PDB file of N, CA and C in Angstrom:
ATOM      1  N   MET A   1       0.584  -1.032  -0.095  1.00  0.00           N
ATOM      2  CA  MET A   1       0.178  -0.111   0.220  1.00  0.00           C
ATOM      3  C   MET A   1       0.999   1.409  -0.222  1.00  0.00           C
ATOM      4  N   GLY A   2       2.165   1.172   0.830  1.00  0.00           N
ATOM      5  CA  GLY A   2       2.651   2.256   0.716  1.00  0.00           C
ATOM      6  C   GLY A   2       3.523   2.479  -0.742  1.00  0.00           C
ATOM      7  N   ARG A   3       3.682   1.650  -1.312  1.00  0.00           N
ATOM      8  CA  ARG A   3       4.356   1.908  -2.981  1.00  0.00           C
ATOM      9  C   ARG A   3       3.096   2.436  -3.662  1.00  0.00           C
ATOM     10  N   PHE A   4       1.969   2.238  -3.233  1.00  0.00           N
ATOM     11  CA  PHE A   4       0.745   2.897  -4.034  1.00  0.00           C
ATOM     12  C   PHE A   4       0.688   4.169  -4.036  1.00  0.00           C
ATOM     13  N   ILE A   5       0.872   4.562  -2.737  1.00  0.00           N
ATOM     14  CA  ILE A   5       0.594   6.090  -2.155  1.00  0.00           C
ATOM     15  C   ILE A   5       1.919   6.741  -2.728  1.00  0.00           C
ATOM     16  N   VAL A   6       2.965   6.008  -2.476  1.00  0.00           N
ATOM     17  CA  VAL A   6       4.248   6.778  -3.082  1.00  0.00           C
ATOM     18  C   VAL A   6       4.296   7.199  -4.613  1.00  0.00           C
ATOM     19  N   SER A   7       3.603   6.039  -5.465  1.00  0.00           N
ATOM     20  CA  SER A   7       3.589   6.131  -6.943  1.00  0.00           C
ATOM     21  C   SER A   7       2.337   7.197  -7.344  1.00  0.00           C
ATOM     22  N   ILE A   8       1.412   7.330  -6.602  1.00  0.00           N
ATOM     23  CA  ILE A   8       0.585   8.485  -6.833  1.00  0.00           C
ATOM     24  C   ILE A   8       1.216   9.527  -6.660  1.00  0.00           C
ATOM     25  N   LEU A   9       1.511  10.189  -5.696  1.00  0.00           N
ATOM     26  CA  LEU A   9       2.164  11.240  -5.412  1.00  0.00           C
ATOM     27  C   LEU A   9       3.459  11.417  -6.318  1.00  0.00           C
ATOM     28  N   ILE A  10       4.161  10.594  -7.024  1.00  0.00           N
ATOM     29  CA  ILE A  10       5.317  10.984  -7.645  1.00  0.00           C
ATOM     30  C   ILE A  10       4.472  11.030  -9.267  1.00  0.00           C
ATOM     31  N   GLY A  11       3.613  10.600  -9.410  1.00  0.00           N
ATOM     32  CA  GLY A  11       2.967  10.966 -10.623  1.00  0.00           C
ATOM     33  C   GLY A  11       2.436  12.289 -10.726  1.00  0.00           C
ATOM     34  N   ALA A  12       1.535  12.652  -9.572  1.00  0.00           N
ATOM     35  CA  ALA A  12       0.566  13.818  -9.492  1.00  0.00           C
ATOM     36  C   ALA A  12       1.927  15.104  -9.715  1.00  0.00           C
ATOM     37  N   GLY A  13       3.194  14.861  -9.077  1.00  0.00           N
ATOM     38  CA  GLY A  13       4.075  15.580  -9.176  1.00  0.00           C
ATOM     39  C   GLY A  13       4.649  16.075 -10.649  1.00  0.00           C
ATOM     40  N   ILE A  14       4.925  14.676 -11.125  1.00  0.00           N
ATOM     41  CA  ILE A  14       5.295  14.961 -12.528  1.00  0.00           C
ATOM     42  C   ILE A  14       4.217  15.538 -13.516  1.00  0.00           C
ATOM     43  N   ALA A  15       2.763  15.447 -12.873  1.00  0.00           N
ATOM     44  CA  ALA A  15       2.022  15.920 -13.987  1.00  0.00           C
ATOM     45  C   ALA A  15       2.032  17.646 -13.588  1.00  0.00           C
ATOM     46  N   PHE A  16       2.047  17.852 -12.303  1.00  0.00           N
ATOM     47  CA  PHE A  16       1.961  19.467 -11.782  1.00  0.00           C
ATOM     48  C   PHE A  16       3.116  19.934 -12.633  1.00  0.00           C
ATOM     49  N   THR A  17       4.344  19.362 -12.465  1.00  0.00           N
ATOM     50  CA  THR A  17       5.384  20.079 -12.939  1.00  0.00           C
ATOM     51  C   THR A  17       5.367  20.138 -14.563  1.00  0.00           C
ATOM     52  N   LEU A  18       4.784  19.229 -15.558  1.00  0.00           N
ATOM     53  CA  LEU A  18       4.418  19.068 -16.628  1.00  0.00           C
ATOM     54  C   LEU A  18       3.406  20.441 -17.177  1.00  0.00           C
ATOM     55  N   PHE A  19       2.597  20.591 -16.008  1.00  0.00           N
ATOM     56  CA  PHE A  19       1.482  21.396 -16.214  1.00  0.00           C
ATOM     57  C   PHE A  19       1.996  23.080 -16.388  1.00  0.00           C
ATOM     58  N   VAL A  20       3.034  23.263 -15.489  1.00  0.00           N
ATOM     59  CA  VAL A  20       3.814  24.605 -14.989  1.00  0.00           C
ATOM     60  C   VAL A  20       4.718  24.767 -16.318  1.00  0.00           C
ATOM     61  N   VAL A  21       5.273  23.858 -16.937  1.00  0.00           N
ATOM     62  CA  VAL A  21       6.473  24.168 -17.845  1.00  0.00           C
ATOM     63  C   VAL A  21       5.968  24.120 -19.123  1.00  0.00           C
ATOM     64  N   MET A  22       4.470  23.610 -19.339  1.00  0.00           N
ATOM     65  CA  MET A  22       3.540  24.065 -20.426  1.00  0.00           C
ATOM     66  C   MET A  22       3.096  25.399 -20.213  1.00  0.00           C
ATOM     67  N   ALA A  23       2.826  25.999 -19.349  1.00  0.00           N
ATOM     68  CA  ALA A  23       2.118  27.429 -19.063  1.00  0.00           C
ATOM     69  C   ALA A  23       3.128  28.103 -19.051  1.00  0.00           C
ATOM     70  N   LYS A  24       4.460  27.869 -19.075  1.00  0.00           N
ATOM     71  CA  LYS A  24       5.439  28.505 -18.878  1.00  0.00           C
ATOM     72  C   LYS A  24       5.879  28.909 -20.431  1.00  0.00           C
ATOM     73  N   LEU A  25       5.646  27.626 -21.056  1.00  0.00           N
ATOM     74  CA  LEU A  25       5.943  27.806 -22.561  1.00  0.00           C
ATOM     75  C   LEU A  25       5.219  28.890 -23.369  1.00  0.00           C
ATOM     76  N   ILE A  26       3.845  28.782 -23.166  1.00  0.00           N
ATOM     77  CA  ILE A  26       2.782  29.746 -23.832  1.00  0.00           C
ATOM     78  C   ILE A  26       2.763  31.045 -23.009  1.00  0.00           C
ATOM     79  N   GLU A  27       3.592  31.528 -22.153  1.00  0.00           N
ATOM     80  CA  GLU A  27       3.012  32.470 -21.530  1.00  0.00           C
ATOM     81  C   GLU A  27       3.917  33.821 -22.282  1.00  0.00           C
ATOM     82  N   ASN A  28       2.518  34.895 -22.330  1.00  0.00           N
ATOM     83  CA  ASN A  28       2.828  36.159 -23.164  1.00  0.00           C
ATOM     84  C   ASN A  28       3.234  37.288 -22.142  1.00  0.00           C
ATOM     85  N   THR A  29       4.354  37.823 -22.697  1.00  0.00           N
ATOM     86  CA  THR A  29       4.744  38.609 -21.727  1.00  0.00           C
ATOM     87  C   THR A  29       4.348  40.213 -22.075  1.00  0.00           C
ATOM     88  N   SER A  30       3.880  40.418 -23.110  1.00  0.00           N
ATOM     89  CA  SER A  30       2.773  41.427 -23.818  1.00  0.00           C
ATOM     90  C   SER A  30       3.979  42.529 -23.883  1.00  0.00           C
ATOM     91  N   ARG A  31       5.373  42.364 -24.038  1.00  0.00           N
ATOM     92  CA  ARG A  31       6.235  43.762 -23.990  1.00  0.00           C
ATOM     93  C   ARG A  31       6.284  44.142 -25.246  1.00  0.00           C
ATOM     94  N   PRO A  32       6.551  45.156 -25.674  1.00  0.00           N
ATOM     95  CA  PRO A  32       6.551  45.845 -26.857  1.00  0.00           C
ATOM     96  C   PRO A  32       8.492  45.560 -27.447  1.00  0.00           C
ATOM     97  N   ALA A  33       8.038  45.232 -28.439  1.00  0.00           N
ATOM     98  CA  ALA A  33       9.750  44.631 -29.256  1.00  0.00           C
ATOM     99  C   ALA A  33      10.781  45.993 -29.063  1.00  0.00           C
ATOM    100  N   GLU A  34      11.674  45.823 -28.930  1.00  0.00           N
ATOM    101  CA  GLU A  34      12.917  46.971 -28.833  1.00  0.00           C
ATOM    102  C   GLU A  34      12.965  47.447 -29.999  1.00  0.00           C
ATOM    103  N   GLU A  35      13.467  48.664 -30.254  1.00  0.00           N
ATOM    104  CA  GLU A  35      13.645  49.169 -31.563  1.00  0.00           C
ATOM    105  C   GLU A  35      15.220  48.562 -32.115  1.00  0.00           C
ATOM    106  N   VAL A  36      15.076  48.213 -32.928  1.00  0.00           N
ATOM    107  CA  VAL A  36      16.600  47.271 -33.621  1.00  0.00           C
ATOM    108  C   VAL A  36      17.269  48.800 -34.562  1.00  0.00           C
ATOM    109  N   PRO A  37      18.211  48.992 -34.229  1.00  0.00           N
ATOM    110  CA  PRO A  37      18.968  50.029 -34.827  1.00  0.00           C
ATOM    111  C   PRO A  37      19.311  49.667 -36.487  1.00  0.00           C
ATOM    112  N   ASP A  38      19.218  50.329 -37.773  1.00  0.00           N
ATOM    113  CA  ASP A  38      19.478  49.878 -38.886  1.00  0.00           C
ATOM    114  C   ASP A  38      20.456  49.379 -38.990  1.00  0.00           C
ATOM    115  N   THR A  39      20.676  48.303 -40.197  1.00  0.00           N
ATOM    116  CA  THR A  39      22.201  47.762 -39.602  1.00  0.00           C
ATOM    117  C   THR A  39      22.784  48.543 -41.161  1.00  0.00           C
ATOM    118  N   PRO A  40      24.005  48.854 -41.223  1.00  0.00           N
ATOM    119  CA  PRO A  40      24.664  49.396 -41.841  1.00  0.00           C
ATOM    120  C   PRO A  40      24.752  48.906 -43.562  1.00  0.00           C
ATOM    121  N   VAL A  41      24.752  49.688 -44.454  1.00  0.00           N
ATOM    122  CA  VAL A  41      24.929  48.506 -45.909  1.00  0.00           C
ATOM    123  C   VAL A  41      26.624  48.577 -45.895  1.00  0.00           C
ATOM    124  N   ILE A  42      27.088  47.436 -46.164  1.00  0.00           N
ATOM    125  CA  ILE A  42      28.500  47.164 -46.695  1.00  0.00           C
ATOM    126  C   ILE A  42      28.283  46.694 -48.067  1.00  0.00           C
ATOM    127  N   ASP A  43      29.268  47.464 -48.737  1.00  0.00           N
ATOM    128  CA  ASP A  43      29.539  47.170 -50.234  1.00  0.00           C
ATOM    129  C   ASP A  43      30.703  46.655 -50.425  1.00  0.00           C
ATOM    130  N   ILE A  44      30.909  45.076 -50.602  1.00  0.00           N
ATOM    131  CA  ILE A  44      32.024  44.065 -50.734  1.00  0.00           C
ATOM    132  C   ILE A  44      32.620  44.458 -52.401  1.00  0.00           C
ATOM    133  N   VAL A  45      31.811  44.550 -53.233  1.00  0.00           N
ATOM    134  CA  VAL A  45      32.232  44.581 -54.734  1.00  0.00           C
ATOM    135  C   VAL A  45      32.910  45.970 -55.059  1.00  0.00           C
ATOM    136  N   MET A  46      33.735  46.022 -55.409  1.00  0.00           N
ATOM    137  CA  MET A  46      34.564  47.482 -56.068  1.00  0.00           C
ATOM    138  C   MET A  46      34.491  47.528 -57.410  1.00  0.00           C
ATOM    139  N   SER A  47      33.588  47.631 -57.923  1.00  0.00           N
ATOM    140  CA  SER A  47      33.287  47.585 -59.593  1.00  0.00           C
ATOM    141  C   SER A  47      33.029  49.132 -60.092  1.00  0.00           C
ATOM    142  N   LYS A  48      33.387  49.349 -61.078  1.00  0.00           N
ATOM    143  CA  LYS A  48      33.382  50.791 -61.641  1.00  0.00           C
ATOM    144  C   LYS A  48      31.830  51.187 -61.717  1.00  0.00           C
ATOM    145  N   PRO A  49      31.755  52.377 -61.635  1.00  0.00           N
ATOM    146  CA  PRO A  49      30.109  52.493 -62.165  1.00  0.00           C
ATOM    147  C   PRO A  49      29.754  52.395 -63.939  1.00  0.00           C
ATOM    148  N   ASP A  50      28.698  52.149 -63.986  1.00  0.00           N
ATOM    149  CA  ASP A  50      28.318  51.825 -65.557  1.00  0.00           C
ATOM    150  C   ASP A  50      28.363  53.382 -66.173  1.00  0.00           C
ATOM    151  N   ASP A  51      28.698  52.813 -67.430  1.00  0.00           N
ATOM    152  CA  ASP A  51      28.711  54.027 -68.460  1.00  0.00           C
ATOM    153  C   ASP A  51      27.078  54.294 -68.914  1.00  0.00           C
ATOM    154  N   ASP A  52      27.073  55.372 -69.686  1.00  0.00           N
ATOM    155  CA  ASP A  52      25.775  55.680 -69.824  1.00  0.00           C
ATOM    156  C   ASP A  52      25.494  54.942 -71.332  1.00  0.00           C
ATOM    157  N   THR A  53      24.064  54.198 -70.953  1.00  0.00           N
ATOM    158  CA  THR A  53      23.583  53.416 -72.018  1.00  0.00           C
ATOM    159  C   THR A  53      23.865  53.867 -73.296  1.00  0.00           C
ATOM    160  N   GLN A  54      24.206  53.246 -74.518  1.00  0.00           N
ATOM    161  CA  GLN A  54      24.185  53.863 -75.675  1.00  0.00           C
ATOM    162  C   GLN A  54      23.283  52.751 -76.445  1.00  0.00           C
ATOM    163  N   THR A  55      22.298  53.577 -77.067  1.00  0.00           N
ATOM    164  CA  THR A  55      21.234  53.033 -77.880  1.00  0.00           C
ATOM    165  C   THR A  55      21.589  53.170 -79.645  1.00  0.00           C
ATOM    166  N   ARG A  56      21.283  52.137 -80.390  1.00  0.00           N
ATOM    167  CA  ARG A  56      21.569  52.148 -81.554  1.00  0.00           C
ATOM    168  C   ARG A  56      20.332  52.066 -82.160  1.00  0.00           C
ATOM    169  N   ASN A  57      20.402  52.902 -83.306  1.00  0.00           N
ATOM    170  CA  ASN A  57      19.111  52.511 -84.518  1.00  0.00           C
ATOM    171  C   ASN A  57      19.463  51.762 -85.474  1.00  0.00           C
ATOM    172  N   ARG A  58      18.926  50.688 -85.318  1.00  0.00           N
ATOM    173  CA  ARG A  58      18.864  49.553 -86.311  1.00  0.00           C
ATOM    174  C   ARG A  58      17.828  49.777 -87.519  1.00  0.00           C
ATOM    175  N   VAL A  59      18.707  49.434 -88.675  1.00  0.00           N
ATOM    176  CA  VAL A  59      17.823  49.633 -90.084  1.00  0.00           C
ATOM    177  C   VAL A  59      17.572  48.387 -90.280  1.00  0.00           C
ATOM    178  N   PRO A  60      16.100  48.034 -90.398  1.00  0.00           N
ATOM    179  CA  PRO A  60      15.467  46.846 -90.553  1.00  0.00           C
ATOM    180  C   PRO A  60      15.920  46.129 -92.168  1.00  0.00           C
ATOM    181  N   PRO A  61      16.606  44.852 -92.470  1.00  0.00           N
ATOM    182  CA  PRO A  61      16.881  44.794 -93.635  1.00  0.00           C
ATOM    183  C   PRO A  61      15.442  44.667 -94.629  1.00  0.00           C
ATOM    184  N   PRO A  62      16.248  44.663 -96.009  1.00  0.00           N
ATOM    185  CA  PRO A  62      14.839  44.573 -96.970  1.00  0.00           C
ATOM    186  C   PRO A  62      14.255  43.478 -97.106  1.00  0.00           C
ATOM    187  N   PRO A  63      13.075  43.572 -97.351  1.00  0.00           N
ATOM    188  CA  PRO A  63      12.166  42.424 -97.230  1.00  0.00           C
ATOM    189  C   PRO A  63      12.895  41.520 -98.498  1.00  0.00           C
ATOM    190  N   PRO A  64      12.908  40.153 -98.132  1.00  0.00           N
ATOM    191  CA  PRO A  64      13.272  39.101 -99.146  1.00  0.00           C
ATOM    192  C   PRO A  64      12.274  39.169-100.388  1.00  0.00           C
ATOM    193  N   PRO A  65      12.685  38.878-101.509  1.00  0.00           N
ATOM    194  CA  PRO A  65      11.852  38.994-102.984  1.00  0.00           C
ATOM    195  C   PRO A  65      10.800  37.433-102.497  1.00  0.00           C
ATOM    196  N   PRO A  66       9.749  37.792-103.168  1.00  0.00           N
ATOM    197  CA  PRO A  66       8.556  36.842-103.120  1.00  0.00           C
ATOM    198  C   PRO A  66       9.108  35.483-103.756  1.00  0.00           C
ATOM    199  N   PRO A  67       8.857  34.474-103.424  1.00  0.00           N
ATOM    200  CA  PRO A  67       9.206  33.144-103.891  1.00  0.00           C
ATOM    201  C   PRO A  67       8.508  33.310-105.325  1.00  0.00           C
ATOM    202  N   GLN A  68       9.474  32.401-106.375  1.00  0.00           N
ATOM    203  CA  GLN A  68       8.838  32.158-107.696  1.00  0.00           C
ATOM    204  C   GLN A  68       7.730  31.020-107.711  1.00  0.00           C
ATOM    205  N   GLN A  69       6.802  31.043-108.436  1.00  0.00           N
ATOM    206  CA  GLN A  69       5.700  30.173-108.396  1.00  0.00           C
ATOM    207  C   GLN A  69       6.174  28.909-109.068  1.00  0.00           C
ATOM    208  N   PRO A  70       6.354  27.583-108.279  1.00  0.00           N
ATOM    209  CA  PRO A  70       6.713  26.480-109.014  1.00  0.00           C
ATOM    210  C   PRO A  70       6.040  26.129-110.205  1.00  0.00           C
ATOM    211  N   PRO A  71       6.474  25.609-111.133  1.00  0.00           N
ATOM    212  CA  PRO A  71       5.759  25.004-112.594  1.00  0.00           C
ATOM    213  C   PRO A  71       4.941  24.011-112.116  1.00  0.00           C
ATOM    214  N   LYS A  72       3.301  24.261-112.906  1.00  0.00           N
ATOM    215  CA  LYS A  72       2.777  23.454-112.735  1.00  0.00           C
ATOM    216  C   LYS A  72       2.691  22.088-113.009  1.00  0.00           C
ATOM    217  N   MET A  73       2.350  20.839-112.176  1.00  0.00           N
ATOM    218  CA  MET A  73       2.799  19.713-112.811  1.00  0.00           C
ATOM    219  C   MET A  73       1.132  19.132-113.378  1.00  0.00           C
ATOM    220  N   GLN A  74       1.184  18.761-114.362  1.00  0.00           N
ATOM    221  CA  GLN A  74      -0.156  17.518-114.969  1.00  0.00           C
ATOM    222  C   GLN A  74      -0.293  16.710-113.387  1.00  0.00           C
ATOM    223  N   PRO A  75      -1.129  16.369-113.459  1.00  0.00           N
ATOM    224  CA  PRO A  75      -1.884  15.294-112.230  1.00  0.00           C
ATOM    225  C   PRO A  75      -1.488  13.806-113.228  1.00  0.00           C
ATOM    226  N   THR A  76      -0.657  12.911-112.477  1.00  0.00           N
ATOM    227  CA  THR A  76      -0.666  11.435-113.009  1.00  0.00           C
ATOM    228  C   THR A  76      -1.941  10.828-112.804  1.00  0.00           C
ATOM    229  N   GLU A  77      -2.446   9.826-113.597  1.00  0.00           N
ATOM    230  CA  GLU A  77      -3.473   9.018-113.542  1.00  0.00           C
ATOM    231  C   GLU A  77      -2.884   7.394-113.081  1.00  0.00           C
ATOM    232  N   PRO A  78      -3.683   7.140-112.122  1.00  0.00           N
ATOM    233  CA  PRO A  78      -3.329   5.990-111.493  1.00  0.00           C
ATOM    234  C   PRO A  78      -3.153   4.805-112.216  1.00  0.00           C
ATOM    235  N   ASP A  79      -2.440   3.817-111.892  1.00  0.00           N
ATOM    236  CA  ASP A  79      -2.271   2.611-112.770  1.00  0.00           C
ATOM    237  C   ASP A  79      -3.532   1.579-112.482  1.00  0.00           C
ATOM    238  N   ASP A  80      -4.092   1.111-113.759  1.00  0.00           N
ATOM    239  CA  ASP A  80      -5.508   0.031-113.035  1.00  0.00           C
ATOM    240  C   ASP A  80      -4.865  -1.317-112.579  1.00  0.00           C
ATOM    241  N   VAL A  81      -5.342  -1.548-111.437  1.00  0.00           N
ATOM    242  CA  VAL A  81      -4.732  -2.517-110.827  1.00  0.00           C
ATOM    243  C   VAL A  81      -5.614  -3.626-110.775  1.00  0.00           C
ATOM    244  N   ASP A  82      -5.517  -4.759-111.262  1.00  0.00           N
ATOM    245  CA  ASP A  82      -6.437  -5.949-111.315  1.00  0.00           C
ATOM    246  C   ASP A  82      -6.538  -6.501-109.764  1.00  0.00           C
ATOM    247  N   PRO A  83      -7.956  -6.537-109.306  1.00  0.00           N
ATOM    248  CA  PRO A  83      -8.314  -6.699-107.812  1.00  0.00           C
ATOM    249  C   PRO A  83      -8.294  -8.232-107.716  1.00  0.00           C
ATOM    250  N   ASP A  84      -7.944  -8.943-108.466  1.00  0.00           N
ATOM    251  CA  ASP A  84      -7.905 -10.276-108.144  1.00  0.00           C
ATOM    252  C   ASP A  84      -6.727 -11.016-108.509  1.00  0.00           C
ATOM    253  N   ALA A  85      -5.686  -9.849-108.754  1.00  0.00           N
ATOM    254  CA  ALA A  85      -4.430 -10.573-108.638  1.00  0.00           C
ATOM    255  C   ALA A  85      -3.768 -11.194-107.863  1.00  0.00           C
ATOM    256  N   ASP A  86      -3.137 -12.297-107.818  1.00  0.00           N
ATOM    257  CA  ASP A  86      -2.543 -13.132-106.862  1.00  0.00           C
ATOM    258  C   ASP A  86      -1.240 -13.181-106.546  1.00  0.00           C
ATOM    259  N   GLY A  87      -1.203 -11.770-105.858  1.00  0.00           N
ATOM    260  CA  GLY A  87       0.116 -11.659-105.751  1.00  0.00           C
ATOM    261  C   GLY A  87       0.630 -11.953-104.348  1.00  0.00           C
ATOM    262  N   PHE A  88      -0.024 -12.345-103.734  1.00  0.00           N
ATOM    263  CA  PHE A  88       0.250 -12.777-102.290  1.00  0.00           C
ATOM    264  C   PHE A  88      -0.309 -14.037-101.911  1.00  0.00           C
ATOM    265  N   SER A  89       0.225 -15.242-101.558  1.00  0.00           N
ATOM    266  CA  SER A  89      -0.145 -16.139-101.056  1.00  0.00           C
ATOM    267  C   SER A  89       0.154 -16.930 -99.769  1.00  0.00           C
ATOM    268  N   LEU A  90      -0.691 -17.305 -99.078  1.00  0.00           N
ATOM    269  CA  LEU A  90      -0.515 -17.599 -97.307  1.00  0.00           C
ATOM    270  C   LEU A  90      -1.056 -19.255 -97.113  1.00  0.00           C
ATOM    271  N   ASN A  91      -0.062 -20.122 -97.464  1.00  0.00           N
ATOM    272  CA  ASN A  91      -0.263 -21.337 -96.743  1.00  0.00           C
ATOM    273  C   ASN A  91      -0.635 -21.636 -95.233  1.00  0.00           C
ATOM    274  N   VAL A  92      -1.670 -21.750 -94.839  1.00  0.00           N
ATOM    275  CA  VAL A  92      -1.830 -22.130 -93.490  1.00  0.00           C
ATOM    276  C   VAL A  92      -2.343 -23.496 -93.264  1.00  0.00           C
ATOM    277  N   PRO A  93      -1.362 -24.224 -92.424  1.00  0.00           N
ATOM    278  CA  PRO A  93      -1.474 -25.601 -92.136  1.00  0.00           C
ATOM    279  C   PRO A  93      -2.585 -25.879 -91.302  1.00  0.00           C
ATOM    280  N   GLY A  94      -3.339 -26.858 -91.495  1.00  0.00           N
ATOM    281  CA  GLY A  94      -4.708 -27.370 -90.853  1.00  0.00           C
ATOM    282  C   GLY A  94      -4.029 -28.023 -89.362  1.00  0.00           C
ATOM    283  N   ILE A  95      -4.868 -27.670 -88.248  1.00  0.00           N
ATOM    284  CA  ILE A  95      -4.481 -28.153 -86.899  1.00  0.00           C
ATOM    285  C   ILE A  95      -5.364 -29.432 -86.710  1.00  0.00           C
ATOM    286  N   ASP A  96      -4.715 -30.449 -86.024  1.00  0.00           N
ATOM    287  CA  ASP A  96      -5.430 -31.573 -85.933  1.00  0.00           C
ATOM    288  C   ASP A  96      -5.813 -31.819 -84.157  1.00  0.00           C
ATOM    289  N   THR A  97      -7.106 -31.226 -83.971  1.00  0.00           N
ATOM    290  CA  THR A  97      -7.499 -31.092 -82.592  1.00  0.00           C
ATOM    291  C   THR A  97      -7.712 -32.205 -81.991  1.00  0.00           C
ATOM    292  N   GLY A  98      -7.727 -33.721 -82.636  1.00  0.00           N
ATOM    293  CA  GLY A  98      -7.981 -34.864 -81.965  1.00  0.00           C
ATOM    294  C   GLY A  98      -9.185 -35.173 -81.602  1.00  0.00           C
ATOM    295  N   GLY A  99     -10.366 -34.752 -82.216  1.00  0.00           N
ATOM    296  CA  GLY A  99     -11.594 -35.012 -82.348  1.00  0.00           C
ATOM    297  C   GLY A  99     -12.377 -33.865 -81.578  1.00  0.00           C
ATOM    298  N   VAL A 100     -11.524 -32.932 -80.827  1.00  0.00           N
ATOM    299  CA  VAL A 100     -12.279 -31.839 -80.147  1.00  0.00           C
ATOM    300  C   VAL A 100     -12.580 -31.025 -80.798  1.00  0.00           C
ATOM    301  N   GLY A 101     -14.081 -30.379 -80.890  1.00  0.00           N
ATOM    302  CA  GLY A 101     -14.583 -29.398 -81.519  1.00  0.00           C
ATOM    303  C   GLY A 101     -15.191 -28.251 -80.525  1.00  0.00           C
ATOM    304  N   ILE A 102     -15.609 -27.135 -81.287  1.00  0.00           N
ATOM    305  CA  ILE A 102     -16.415 -25.981 -80.473  1.00  0.00           C
ATOM    306  C   ILE A 102     -17.822 -26.119 -80.756  1.00  0.00           C
ATOM    307  N   ASN A 103     -18.004 -27.243 -81.080  1.00  0.00           N
ATOM    308  CA  ASN A 103     -19.667 -27.410 -81.381  1.00  0.00           C
ATOM    309  C   ASN A 103     -20.267 -27.426 -79.884  1.00  0.00           C
ATOM    310  N   LEU A 104     -21.080 -26.669 -79.640  1.00  0.00           N
ATOM    311  CA  LEU A 104     -21.557 -26.426 -78.116  1.00  0.00           C
ATOM    312  C   LEU A 104     -22.958 -27.092 -78.193  1.00  0.00           C
ATOM    313  N   GLY A 105     -23.725 -27.699 -78.969  1.00  0.00           N
ATOM    314  CA  GLY A 105     -24.590 -28.363 -79.085  1.00  0.00           C
ATOM    315  C   GLY A 105     -25.946 -26.733 -79.451  1.00  0.00           C
ATOM    316  N   GLY A 106     -27.319 -27.659 -79.161  1.00  0.00           N
ATOM    317  CA  GLY A 106     -27.994 -26.752 -80.027  1.00  0.00           C
ATOM    318  C   GLY A 106     -28.279 -25.294 -78.863  1.00  0.00           C
ATOM    319  N   VAL A 107     -29.573 -24.630 -78.850  1.00  0.00           N
ATOM    320  CA  VAL A 107     -29.931 -23.767 -78.058  1.00  0.00           C
ATOM    321  C   VAL A 107     -30.251 -23.856 -76.868  1.00  0.00           C
ATOM    322  N   GLY A 108     -29.788 -23.410 -75.818  1.00  0.00           N
ATOM    323  CA  GLY A 108     -29.822 -23.728 -74.330  1.00  0.00           C
ATOM    324  C   GLY A 108     -29.155 -24.882 -74.115  1.00  0.00           C
ATOM    325  N   ALA A 109     -27.910 -25.513 -74.722  1.00  0.00           N
ATOM    326  CA  ALA A 109     -27.409 -26.403 -74.103  1.00  0.00           C
ATOM    327  C   ALA A 109     -26.575 -26.150 -73.075  1.00  0.00           C
ATOM    328  N   MET A 110     -26.026 -24.733 -72.789  1.00  0.00           N
ATOM    329  CA  MET A 110     -25.037 -24.634 -71.844  1.00  0.00           C
ATOM    330  C   MET A 110     -26.009 -24.156 -70.782  1.00  0.00           C
ATOM    331  N   ARG A 111     -27.386 -24.322 -70.714  1.00  0.00           N
ATOM    332  CA  ARG A 111     -27.802 -23.896 -69.315  1.00  0.00           C
ATOM    333  C   ARG A 111     -27.824 -25.085 -68.640  1.00  0.00           C
ATOM    334  N   ARG A 112     -27.850 -26.224 -69.246  1.00  0.00           N
ATOM    335  CA  ARG A 112     -27.943 -27.618 -68.304  1.00  0.00           C
ATOM    336  C   ARG A 112     -26.621 -28.117 -67.536  1.00  0.00           C
ATOM    337  N   ASP A 113     -25.639 -27.670 -67.641  1.00  0.00           N
ATOM    338  CA  ASP A 113     -24.574 -27.643 -66.917  1.00  0.00           C
ATOM    339  C   ASP A 113     -24.788 -26.971 -65.682  1.00  0.00           C
ATOM    340  N   GLY A 114     -25.616 -25.830 -65.344  1.00  0.00           N
ATOM    341  CA  GLY A 114     -25.657 -25.578 -64.220  1.00  0.00           C
ATOM    342  C   GLY A 114     -26.697 -26.162 -63.055  1.00  0.00           C
ATOM    343  N   ASP A 115     -27.444 -27.370 -63.592  1.00  0.00           N
ATOM    344  CA  ASP A 115     -28.247 -27.841 -62.886  1.00  0.00           C
ATOM    345  C   ASP A 115     -27.410 -28.758 -61.717  1.00  0.00           C
ATOM    346  N   ALA A 116     -28.068 -28.979 -60.928  1.00  0.00           N
ATOM    347  CA  ALA A 116     -27.473 -29.615 -59.621  1.00  0.00           C
ATOM    348  C   ALA A 116     -27.698 -31.154 -59.708  1.00  0.00           C
ATOM    349  N   THR A 117     -26.441 -31.745 -59.856  1.00  0.00           N
ATOM    350  CA  THR A 117     -26.861 -33.661 -60.265  1.00  0.00           C
ATOM    351  C   THR A 117     -26.346 -34.127 -59.133  1.00  0.00           C
ATOM    352  N   PRO A 118     -26.987 -35.143 -58.557  1.00  0.00           N
ATOM    353  CA  PRO A 118     -26.432 -35.944 -57.118  1.00  0.00           C
ATOM    354  C   PRO A 118     -25.149 -36.744 -57.800  1.00  0.00           C
ATOM    355  N   ILE A 119     -24.030 -36.851 -56.632  1.00  0.00           N
ATOM    356  CA  ILE A 119     -23.102 -37.615 -56.782  1.00  0.00           C
ATOM    357  C   ILE A 119     -23.183 -39.085 -56.673  1.00  0.00           C
ATOM    358  N   VAL A 120     -24.020 -39.382 -55.354  1.00  0.00           N
ATOM    359  CA  VAL A 120     -24.437 -40.823 -55.081  1.00  0.00           C
ATOM    360  C   VAL A 120     -25.773 -40.736 -55.004  1.00  0.00           C
ATOM    361  N   ARG A 121     -26.370 -42.232 -56.057  1.00  0.00           N
ATOM    362  CA  ARG A 121     -27.739 -42.313 -56.004  1.00  0.00           C
ATOM    363  C   ARG A 121     -28.285 -43.343 -54.889  1.00  0.00           C
TER     364      ARG A 121
END
């Protein structure tokens, strides 16, 4: 029982100390800020002052002559192409599926697969 009372007192002391520290952290003294004197300007670079700006009046170059018209070409007529020309042949080999086909049966044949069938009779 003695340890229980001591631990309660130590916990209360720590909680009170934390409360005081947090109150001090957010305390506002409401004093006006002191005036800070202006900092002196220090010029490290020792450069010559710039000369007066010189402006130039530029004359734009004369416009280029317009391009000459290209000679008109007569349209060429397309060659007549025979649409039945056999210029491309492709020999596709047959595939032996071993008697398996894609015949699914008549209309509604796939619906019968979802019926429940007993395993043991």
